[in-house]
Amino acid sequence: MNIICTTIKNITMKEKLVKFRDPIIENVVDQLVSRSDVGYEKYGVTLEDDSGGLTKWLQHLQEELLDAANYIEKLKQVTNDKH
């Protein structure tokens, strides 16, 4: 694995050359990187550098899980409509 460091907006970013044996895993990794970019653009800080406390992180997690529950409910309805 080759690692190249570059600086963008005063943040050092590591670029890794990775050979994926599984395109599904590659797709998930691409989505993680994209979500990280969205978060950085929105909040101006990396997750590592965000100094939120336990309560903040629990709140974020709860909100994400509630969103997931909503998506599951929607998919159940869509699936039932087609059967």
Protein backbone atom coordinates (compact mmCIF):
# COMPACT_ATOMS: atom_id res chain seq x y z
CA MET A 1 0.00 0.00 0.00
CA ASN A 2 1.44 3.35 -1.07
CA ILE A 3 0.67 6.41 1.05
CA ILE A 4 0.96 9.95 -0.27
CA CYS A 5 0.33 12.96 1.99
CA THR A 6 -1.06 16.19 0.57
CA THR A 7 -2.29 19.35 2.23
CA ILE A 8 -5.70 20.79 1.32
CA LYS A 9 -7.17 23.72 3.25
CA ASN A 10 -4.48 23.33 5.92
CA ILE A 11 -5.41 19.70 6.52
CA THR A 12 -3.03 16.88 5.75
CA MET A 13 -4.80 14.15 3.83
CA LYS A 14 -3.43 10.69 3.23
CA GLU A 15 -3.98 9.16 -0.16
CA LYS A 16 -3.71 5.40 -0.29
CA LEU A 17 -3.39 3.23 -3.32
CA VAL A 18 -5.52 0.20 -2.54
CA LYS A 19 -6.28 -2.74 -4.78
CA PHE A 20 -9.78 -4.00 -4.02
CA ARG A 21 -10.60 -7.64 -4.60
CA ASP A 22 -14.29 -6.96 -3.98
CA PRO A 23 -16.10 -4.19 -5.88
CA ILE A 24 -18.79 -4.05 -3.20
CA ILE A 25 -16.21 -3.17 -0.54
CA GLU A 26 -14.68 -0.62 -2.90
CA ASN A 27 -18.12 0.98 -3.31
CA VAL A 28 -18.61 1.17 0.47
CA VAL A 29 -15.16 2.73 0.94
CA ASP A 30 -15.94 5.30 -1.76
CA GLN A 31 -19.20 6.15 0.03
CA LEU A 32 -17.37 6.55 3.36
CA VAL A 33 -14.89 8.95 1.81
CA SER A 34 -17.71 10.89 0.15
CA ARG A 35 -19.63 11.17 3.45
CA SER A 36 -16.46 12.36 5.15
CA ASP A 37 -16.09 15.07 2.51
CA VAL A 38 -19.72 16.15 3.00
CA GLY A 39 -19.23 16.30 6.77
CA TYR A 40 -16.07 18.33 6.46
CA GLU A 41 -17.71 20.79 4.07
CA LYS A 42 -20.70 21.13 6.40
CA TYR A 43 -18.86 21.38 9.74
CA GLY A 44 -15.34 22.50 8.73
CA VAL A 45 -13.68 19.90 10.93
CA THR A 46 -12.76 16.24 10.65
CA LEU A 47 -14.45 13.69 12.83
CA GLU A 48 -11.14 13.05 14.57
CA ASP A 49 -10.69 16.73 15.41
CA ASP A 50 -14.30 17.30 16.53
CA SER A 51 -14.17 17.72 20.30
CA GLY A 52 -17.80 16.88 21.08
CA GLY A 53 -18.52 15.09 24.32
CA LEU A 54 -20.24 11.78 24.94
CA THR A 55 -23.73 13.32 24.99
CA LYS A 56 -23.18 14.95 21.61
CA TRP A 57 -22.02 11.69 20.01
CA LEU A 58 -24.88 9.73 21.55
CA GLN A 59 -27.33 12.30 20.17
CA HIS A 60 -25.81 12.03 16.68
CA LEU A 61 -25.96 8.24 16.84
CA GLN A 62 -29.58 8.28 18.00
CA GLU A 63 -30.57 10.60 15.15
CA GLU A 64 -28.85 8.38 12.59
CA LEU A 65 -30.55 5.27 13.98
CA LEU A 66 -33.94 6.99 13.92
CA ASP A 67 -33.32 7.88 10.27
CA ALA A 68 -32.46 4.22 9.61
CA ALA A 69 -35.72 3.11 11.27
CA ASN A 70 -37.63 5.48 8.99
CA TYR A 71 -35.90 4.06 5.91
CA ILE A 72 -36.70 0.51 7.03
CA GLU A 73 -40.36 1.39 7.48
CA LYS A 74 -40.47 2.98 4.02
CA LEU A 75 -38.85 -0.09 2.43
CA LYS A 76 -41.30 -2.39 4.21
CA GLN A 77 -44.20 -0.39 2.78
CA VAL A 78 -42.74 -0.35 -0.72
CA THR A 79 -42.05 -4.09 -0.55
CA ASN A 80 -45.56 -4.85 0.69
CA ASP A 81 -47.05 -2.75 -2.10
CA LYS A 82 -45.32 -4.92 -4.70
CA HIS A 83 -46.35 -8.30 -3.24
